[in-house]
Amino acid sequence: MMKVLAAIMLSLPQPATHNQFVPELIEAPAVALPAPAPVDLSMFTPYNVVHFVWELHGVTDLATHIKMDCVINYESRWDQYARSRTGDSGYFQINDIHKWRWAWEDGYLDIKDPWLNAEIAYQLWAERGGNFAAWSPPARWC
């Protein structure tokens, strides 16, 4: 009886082994990738950077962006290197009394950088309830 049972068991299909489920590794021929496309930096104009920073914070209404343009035009004439006698720098003419905002571990970041200047200006604007009172007189004229 055992011999018959063993013969039947041997005639049944054998279960698959682990190796039958592992695909064989095939070496693919080396394919030359195309050179990366050059990055168009023209979209990162100072104007776009300033507006982009504020839009990252959710400020998308046109009236605020128009007023922001007016303030920048009055304060620095869109000159990121503008520096006043009173220690105001960059597009928004951020005063040195706010220097702690751009302090870094080993010194200070460059407040004339458009991105940083727009970020600090946004902070000042938001802390004042979303108005441009920190920029006077342009806040009254714009």
N, C-alpha and C. Protein backbone atom coordinates (compact mmCIF):
# COMPACT_ATOMS: atom_id res chain seq x y z
N MET A 1 0.81 -1.18 0.00
CA MET A 1 0.00 0.00 0.00
C MET A 1 0.86 1.26 0.00
N MET A 2 1.93 1.23 0.77
CA MET A 2 2.83 2.39 0.84
C MET A 2 3.50 2.64 -0.49
N LYS A 3 3.84 1.54 -1.21
CA LYS A 3 4.49 1.70 -2.50
C LYS A 3 3.53 2.33 -3.50
N VAL A 4 2.28 1.96 -3.43
CA VAL A 4 1.28 2.51 -4.34
C VAL A 4 1.08 4.00 -4.04
N LEU A 5 0.98 4.32 -2.77
CA LEU A 5 0.81 5.71 -2.37
C LEU A 5 2.01 6.55 -2.76
N ALA A 6 3.20 6.01 -2.63
CA ALA A 6 4.42 6.73 -3.03
C ALA A 6 4.44 6.92 -4.53
N ALA A 7 3.99 5.94 -5.30
CA ALA A 7 3.96 6.05 -6.76
C ALA A 7 2.98 7.13 -7.19
N ILE A 8 1.83 7.17 -6.51
CA ILE A 8 0.84 8.20 -6.83
C ILE A 8 1.40 9.58 -6.52
N MET A 9 2.04 9.73 -5.40
CA MET A 9 2.60 11.02 -4.97
C MET A 9 3.67 11.49 -5.96
N LEU A 10 4.48 10.56 -6.46
CA LEU A 10 5.52 10.94 -7.40
C LEU A 10 4.95 11.30 -8.76
N SER A 11 3.79 10.76 -9.09
CA SER A 11 3.20 11.07 -10.39
C SER A 11 2.49 12.43 -10.40
N LEU A 12 2.19 12.96 -9.21
CA LEU A 12 1.54 14.27 -9.13
C LEU A 12 2.55 15.37 -9.48
N PRO A 13 2.06 16.48 -10.03
CA PRO A 13 2.99 17.58 -10.32
C PRO A 13 3.62 18.09 -9.04
N GLN A 14 4.88 18.35 -9.11
CA GLN A 14 5.62 18.82 -7.95
C GLN A 14 5.37 20.32 -7.73
N PRO A 15 5.33 20.74 -6.48
CA PRO A 15 5.15 22.18 -6.23
C PRO A 15 6.36 22.95 -6.77
N ALA A 16 6.06 24.17 -7.16
CA ALA A 16 7.13 25.02 -7.71
C ALA A 16 8.14 25.35 -6.64
N THR A 17 9.36 25.44 -7.05
CA THR A 17 10.41 25.83 -6.11
C THR A 17 10.56 27.34 -6.15
N HIS A 18 11.22 27.85 -5.17
CA HIS A 18 11.43 29.30 -5.07
C HIS A 18 12.12 29.86 -6.31
N ASN A 19 13.08 29.11 -6.84
CA ASN A 19 13.84 29.58 -7.99
C ASN A 19 12.99 29.76 -9.24
N GLN A 20 11.87 29.04 -9.33
CA GLN A 20 11.02 29.17 -10.49
C GLN A 20 10.29 30.52 -10.52
N PHE A 21 10.16 31.17 -9.36
CA PHE A 21 9.46 32.44 -9.29
C PHE A 21 10.39 33.65 -9.34
N VAL A 22 11.66 33.44 -9.23
CA VAL A 22 12.62 34.54 -9.27
C VAL A 22 13.03 34.77 -10.71
N PRO A 23 12.75 35.94 -11.24
CA PRO A 23 13.13 36.18 -12.63
C PRO A 23 14.64 36.22 -12.77
N GLU A 24 15.09 35.79 -13.91
CA GLU A 24 16.52 35.82 -14.17
C GLU A 24 16.95 37.25 -14.42
N LEU A 25 18.07 37.59 -13.91
CA LEU A 25 18.60 38.93 -14.14
C LEU A 25 19.22 38.98 -15.52
N ILE A 26 18.74 39.90 -16.30
CA ILE A 26 19.25 40.06 -17.65
C ILE A 26 19.96 41.40 -17.70
N GLU A 27 21.15 41.39 -18.17
CA GLU A 27 21.88 42.64 -18.27
C GLU A 27 21.37 43.41 -19.47
N ALA A 28 20.88 44.60 -19.18
CA ALA A 28 20.37 45.45 -20.25
C ALA A 28 21.53 46.21 -20.87
N PRO A 29 21.44 46.45 -22.15
CA PRO A 29 22.51 47.23 -22.78
C PRO A 29 22.50 48.66 -22.23
N ALA A 30 23.66 49.24 -22.15
CA ALA A 30 23.77 50.61 -21.66
C ALA A 30 23.08 51.55 -22.64
N VAL A 31 22.25 52.41 -22.10
CA VAL A 31 21.52 53.36 -22.93
C VAL A 31 22.02 54.75 -22.59
N ALA A 32 22.39 55.48 -23.60
CA ALA A 32 22.85 56.85 -23.38
C ALA A 32 21.63 57.73 -23.14
N LEU A 33 21.62 58.40 -22.00
CA LEU A 33 20.53 59.31 -21.69
C LEU A 33 20.77 60.65 -22.37
N PRO A 34 19.71 61.30 -22.79
CA PRO A 34 19.90 62.61 -23.40
C PRO A 34 20.37 63.62 -22.35
N ALA A 35 21.07 64.62 -22.79
CA ALA A 35 21.54 65.65 -21.88
C ALA A 35 20.33 66.38 -21.30
N PRO A 36 20.40 66.77 -20.04
CA PRO A 36 19.26 67.48 -19.46
C PRO A 36 19.04 68.81 -20.18
N ALA A 37 17.78 69.17 -20.27
CA ALA A 37 17.44 70.44 -20.93
C ALA A 37 17.95 71.60 -20.07
N PRO A 38 18.44 72.64 -20.70
CA PRO A 38 18.91 73.78 -19.91
C PRO A 38 17.73 74.41 -19.16
N VAL A 39 18.00 74.87 -17.97
CA VAL A 39 16.97 75.49 -17.15
C VAL A 39 16.80 76.94 -17.58
N ASP A 40 15.57 77.31 -17.84
CA ASP A 40 15.28 78.68 -18.23
C ASP A 40 15.11 79.52 -16.98
N LEU A 41 16.13 80.30 -16.64
CA LEU A 41 16.08 81.12 -15.43
C LEU A 41 15.40 82.46 -15.66
N SER A 42 14.96 82.71 -16.88
CA SER A 42 14.34 84.01 -17.16
C SER A 42 13.05 84.21 -16.38
N MET A 43 12.42 83.10 -15.97
CA MET A 43 11.19 83.26 -15.20
C MET A 43 11.46 83.72 -13.77
N PHE A 44 12.69 83.61 -13.31
CA PHE A 44 13.04 84.01 -11.96
C PHE A 44 13.54 85.45 -11.93
N THR A 45 12.77 86.32 -12.54
CA THR A 45 13.10 87.74 -12.46
C THR A 45 12.80 88.20 -11.05
N PRO A 46 13.42 89.28 -10.61
CA PRO A 46 13.11 89.78 -9.26
C PRO A 46 11.62 90.00 -9.05
N TYR A 47 10.96 90.51 -10.06
CA TYR A 47 9.52 90.75 -9.96
C TYR A 47 8.77 89.46 -9.67
N ASN A 48 9.09 88.40 -10.42
CA ASN A 48 8.41 87.12 -10.22
C ASN A 48 8.76 86.50 -8.88
N VAL A 49 10.00 86.63 -8.44
CA VAL A 49 10.41 86.05 -7.16
C VAL A 49 9.62 86.69 -6.03
N VAL A 50 9.52 88.00 -6.03
CA VAL A 50 8.80 88.69 -4.95
C VAL A 50 7.35 88.23 -4.91
N HIS A 51 6.70 88.20 -6.04
CA HIS A 51 5.30 87.79 -6.06
C HIS A 51 5.14 86.30 -5.73
N PHE A 52 6.08 85.49 -6.17
CA PHE A 52 6.03 84.06 -5.88
C PHE A 52 6.12 83.80 -4.39
N VAL A 53 7.01 84.50 -3.69
CA VAL A 53 7.18 84.31 -2.25
C VAL A 53 5.85 84.60 -1.54
N TRP A 54 5.22 85.69 -1.89
CA TRP A 54 3.96 86.04 -1.23
C TRP A 54 2.86 85.04 -1.59
N GLU A 55 2.86 84.57 -2.82
CA GLU A 55 1.85 83.59 -3.21
C GLU A 55 2.04 82.27 -2.48
N LEU A 56 3.29 81.92 -2.14
CA LEU A 56 3.54 80.72 -1.34
C LEU A 56 2.84 80.81 0.01
N HIS A 57 2.68 82.02 0.51
CA HIS A 57 2.00 82.24 1.79
C HIS A 57 0.50 82.42 1.62
N GLY A 58 0.00 82.26 0.40
CA GLY A 58 -1.43 82.34 0.17
C GLY A 58 -1.95 83.72 -0.19
N VAL A 59 -1.06 84.68 -0.39
CA VAL A 59 -1.49 86.03 -0.77
C VAL A 59 -1.61 86.06 -2.29
N THR A 60 -2.83 85.95 -2.77
CA THR A 60 -3.04 85.89 -4.21
C THR A 60 -3.95 86.98 -4.74
N ASP A 61 -4.50 87.81 -3.86
CA ASP A 61 -5.42 88.82 -4.36
C ASP A 61 -4.67 89.92 -5.10
N LEU A 62 -5.25 90.35 -6.19
CA LEU A 62 -4.61 91.32 -7.08
C LEU A 62 -4.36 92.65 -6.40
N ALA A 63 -5.28 93.11 -5.57
CA ALA A 63 -5.13 94.42 -4.91
C ALA A 63 -3.87 94.45 -4.05
N THR A 64 -3.61 93.39 -3.32
CA THR A 64 -2.41 93.35 -2.47
C THR A 64 -1.15 93.35 -3.32
N HIS A 65 -1.17 92.60 -4.41
CA HIS A 65 0.01 92.55 -5.28
C HIS A 65 0.26 93.90 -5.96
N ILE A 66 -0.79 94.60 -6.32
CA ILE A 66 -0.62 95.93 -6.92
C ILE A 66 -0.05 96.89 -5.90
N LYS A 67 -0.57 96.84 -4.68
CA LYS A 67 -0.05 97.72 -3.62
C LYS A 67 1.40 97.37 -3.30
N MET A 68 1.73 96.08 -3.31
CA MET A 68 3.11 95.66 -3.07
C MET A 68 4.03 96.23 -4.14
N ASP A 69 3.61 96.18 -5.39
CA ASP A 69 4.42 96.76 -6.47
C ASP A 69 4.62 98.25 -6.25
N CYS A 70 3.58 98.92 -5.83
CA CYS A 70 3.67 100.36 -5.59
C CYS A 70 4.66 100.66 -4.46
N VAL A 71 4.59 99.90 -3.39
CA VAL A 71 5.51 100.10 -2.25
C VAL A 71 6.95 99.88 -2.70
N ILE A 72 7.20 98.80 -3.42
CA ILE A 72 8.57 98.51 -3.88
C ILE A 72 9.05 99.60 -4.83
N ASN A 73 8.20 100.03 -5.72
CA ASN A 73 8.59 101.07 -6.67
C ASN A 73 8.94 102.36 -5.93
N TYR A 74 8.18 102.69 -4.92
CA TYR A 74 8.45 103.90 -4.14
C TYR A 74 9.72 103.74 -3.31
N GLU A 75 9.84 102.60 -2.63
CA GLU A 75 10.94 102.40 -1.68
C GLU A 75 12.30 102.23 -2.36
N SER A 76 12.36 101.44 -3.45
CA SER A 76 13.67 101.11 -4.01
C SER A 76 13.76 101.21 -5.53
N ARG A 77 12.67 101.54 -6.17
CA ARG A 77 12.63 101.56 -7.64
C ARG A 77 13.08 100.22 -8.22
N TRP A 78 12.73 99.14 -7.53
CA TRP A 78 13.08 97.77 -7.92
C TRP A 78 14.59 97.56 -8.01
N ASP A 79 15.33 98.25 -7.15
CA ASP A 79 16.78 98.07 -7.06
C ASP A 79 17.07 97.24 -5.82
N GLN A 80 17.43 95.97 -6.02
CA GLN A 80 17.64 95.10 -4.86
C GLN A 80 18.83 95.52 -4.02
N TYR A 81 19.73 96.33 -4.56
CA TYR A 81 20.90 96.77 -3.82
C TYR A 81 20.70 98.15 -3.18
N ALA A 82 19.50 98.67 -3.26
CA ALA A 82 19.23 99.99 -2.69
C ALA A 82 19.48 99.96 -1.18
N ARG A 83 20.11 101.01 -0.69
CA ARG A 83 20.41 101.13 0.75
C ARG A 83 20.21 102.59 1.13
N SER A 84 19.41 102.82 2.16
CA SER A 84 19.14 104.19 2.59
C SER A 84 20.12 104.62 3.67
N ARG A 85 20.10 105.90 3.98
CA ARG A 85 20.97 106.43 5.06
C ARG A 85 20.55 105.90 6.41
N THR A 86 19.29 105.46 6.53
CA THR A 86 18.78 104.99 7.82
C THR A 86 18.92 103.49 8.01
N GLY A 87 19.61 102.83 7.09
CA GLY A 87 19.87 101.39 7.24
C GLY A 87 18.81 100.49 6.65
N ASP A 88 18.03 101.01 5.70
CA ASP A 88 17.01 100.21 5.03
C ASP A 88 17.62 99.59 3.77
N SER A 89 17.31 98.31 3.50
CA SER A 89 17.94 97.61 2.38
C SER A 89 16.95 96.81 1.55
N GLY A 90 17.30 96.66 0.28
CA GLY A 90 16.56 95.78 -0.62
C GLY A 90 15.31 96.41 -1.19
N TYR A 91 14.54 95.58 -1.87
CA TYR A 91 13.32 96.04 -2.53
C TYR A 91 12.37 96.75 -1.58
N PHE A 92 12.11 96.12 -0.45
CA PHE A 92 11.14 96.65 0.50
C PHE A 92 11.77 97.60 1.51
N GLN A 93 13.07 97.84 1.39
CA GLN A 93 13.79 98.71 2.31
C GLN A 93 13.55 98.28 3.77
N ILE A 94 13.93 97.05 4.06
CA ILE A 94 13.79 96.49 5.40
C ILE A 94 14.88 97.11 6.28
N ASN A 95 14.47 97.64 7.43
CA ASN A 95 15.39 98.32 8.32
C ASN A 95 16.23 97.34 9.12
N ASP A 96 17.43 97.78 9.51
CA ASP A 96 18.35 96.94 10.29
C ASP A 96 17.80 96.56 11.66
N ILE A 97 16.78 97.26 12.16
CA ILE A 97 16.22 96.87 13.47
C ILE A 97 15.58 95.47 13.39
N HIS A 98 15.32 95.00 12.19
CA HIS A 98 14.75 93.66 12.00
C HIS A 98 15.83 92.63 11.67
N LYS A 99 17.08 92.98 11.92
CA LYS A 99 18.20 92.12 11.53
C LYS A 99 18.11 90.72 12.15
N TRP A 100 17.53 90.62 13.31
CA TRP A 100 17.39 89.32 13.96
C TRP A 100 16.59 88.35 13.09
N ARG A 101 15.79 88.85 12.20
CA ARG A 101 14.96 88.00 11.34
C ARG A 101 15.80 87.25 10.30
N TRP A 102 16.93 87.80 9.95
CA TRP A 102 17.75 87.10 8.94
C TRP A 102 19.11 86.68 9.50
N ALA A 103 19.16 86.56 10.84
CA ALA A 103 20.38 86.05 11.47
C ALA A 103 20.53 84.56 11.15
N TRP A 104 21.75 84.15 11.01
CA TRP A 104 22.07 82.75 10.70
C TRP A 104 23.11 82.29 11.68
N GLU A 105 23.42 81.02 11.70
CA GLU A 105 24.35 80.46 12.69
C GLU A 105 25.69 81.19 12.72
N ASP A 106 26.20 81.52 11.55
CA ASP A 106 27.54 82.10 11.52
C ASP A 106 27.53 83.51 10.93
N GLY A 107 26.46 84.24 11.14
CA GLY A 107 26.40 85.61 10.64
C GLY A 107 25.00 85.95 10.19
N TYR A 108 24.93 86.72 9.13
CA TYR A 108 23.64 87.16 8.63
C TYR A 108 23.51 86.81 7.16
N LEU A 109 22.28 86.50 6.78
CA LEU A 109 22.00 86.30 5.36
C LEU A 109 21.95 87.67 4.69
N ASP A 110 22.01 87.70 3.39
CA ASP A 110 22.03 88.96 2.65
C ASP A 110 20.60 89.45 2.44
N ILE A 111 20.23 90.51 3.14
CA ILE A 111 18.87 91.04 3.07
C ILE A 111 18.56 91.59 1.68
N LYS A 112 19.58 91.81 0.88
CA LYS A 112 19.35 92.31 -0.48
C LYS A 112 18.92 91.19 -1.43
N ASP A 113 19.00 89.95 -0.97
CA ASP A 113 18.52 88.83 -1.77
C ASP A 113 17.01 88.99 -1.94
N PRO A 114 16.52 88.97 -3.19
CA PRO A 114 15.09 89.22 -3.42
C PRO A 114 14.17 88.27 -2.64
N TRP A 115 14.54 87.00 -2.58
CA TRP A 115 13.70 86.02 -1.89
C TRP A 115 13.61 86.35 -0.40
N LEU A 116 14.75 86.58 0.23
CA LEU A 116 14.77 86.88 1.66
C LEU A 116 14.08 88.21 1.95
N ASN A 117 14.32 89.21 1.13
CA ASN A 117 13.71 90.52 1.33
C ASN A 117 12.19 90.40 1.25
N ALA A 118 11.68 89.64 0.28
CA ALA A 118 10.24 89.44 0.15
C ALA A 118 9.68 88.65 1.32
N GLU A 119 10.43 87.68 1.81
CA GLU A 119 9.99 86.87 2.95
C GLU A 119 9.86 87.71 4.21
N ILE A 120 10.87 88.54 4.49
CA ILE A 120 10.83 89.40 5.68
C ILE A 120 9.70 90.43 5.53
N ALA A 121 9.54 90.97 4.32
CA ALA A 121 8.46 91.93 4.09
C ALA A 121 7.10 91.27 4.34
N TYR A 122 6.96 90.03 3.90
CA TYR A 122 5.70 89.33 4.15
C TYR A 122 5.46 89.19 5.65
N GLN A 123 6.50 88.82 6.40
CA GLN A 123 6.35 88.67 7.85
C GLN A 123 5.89 89.98 8.49
N LEU A 124 6.52 91.08 8.09
CA LEU A 124 6.14 92.39 8.64
C LEU A 124 4.70 92.73 8.26
N TRP A 125 4.34 92.47 7.02
CA TRP A 125 2.99 92.75 6.54
C TRP A 125 1.96 91.92 7.31
N ALA A 126 2.24 90.63 7.50
CA ALA A 126 1.31 89.74 8.20
C ALA A 126 1.18 90.10 9.67
N GLU A 127 2.29 90.48 10.31
CA GLU A 127 2.25 90.86 11.73
C GLU A 127 1.43 92.12 11.96
N ARG A 128 1.28 92.91 10.95
CA ARG A 128 0.50 94.15 11.06
C ARG A 128 -0.92 93.98 10.52
N GLY A 129 -1.37 92.76 10.51
CA GLY A 129 -2.75 92.49 10.12
C GLY A 129 -3.01 92.56 8.63
N GLY A 130 -2.00 92.37 7.83
CA GLY A 130 -2.18 92.37 6.39
C GLY A 130 -2.30 93.76 5.80
N ASN A 131 -1.56 94.69 6.37
CA ASN A 131 -1.53 96.03 5.76
C ASN A 131 -0.09 96.49 5.64
N PHE A 132 0.10 97.52 4.86
CA PHE A 132 1.45 98.01 4.56
C PHE A 132 1.84 99.19 5.45
N ALA A 133 1.32 99.23 6.67
CA ALA A 133 1.60 100.35 7.57
C ALA A 133 3.09 100.48 7.90
N ALA A 134 3.85 99.40 7.79
CA ALA A 134 5.29 99.48 8.07
C ALA A 134 6.01 100.32 7.02
N TRP A 135 5.39 100.49 5.87
CA TRP A 135 6.00 101.26 4.79
C TRP A 135 5.24 102.57 4.66
N SER A 136 5.67 103.52 5.44
CA SER A 136 5.00 104.81 5.39
C SER A 136 6.03 105.81 4.89
N PRO A 137 5.73 106.68 3.99
CA PRO A 137 4.45 107.11 3.45
C PRO A 137 3.89 106.31 2.28
N PRO A 138 4.62 105.40 1.62
CA PRO A 138 4.02 104.76 0.46
C PRO A 138 2.71 104.06 0.76
N ALA A 139 2.55 103.60 1.99
CA ALA A 139 1.31 102.91 2.33
C ALA A 139 0.11 103.83 2.16
N ARG A 140 0.32 105.11 2.41
CA ARG A 140 -0.78 106.07 2.26
C ARG A 140 -0.99 106.44 0.79
N TRP A 141 0.06 106.42 0.01
CA TRP A 141 -0.03 106.89 -1.37
C TRP A 141 -0.43 105.81 -2.36
N CYS A 142 -0.14 104.57 -2.03
CA CYS A 142 -0.41 103.49 -2.99
C CYS A 142 -1.86 103.04 -2.93
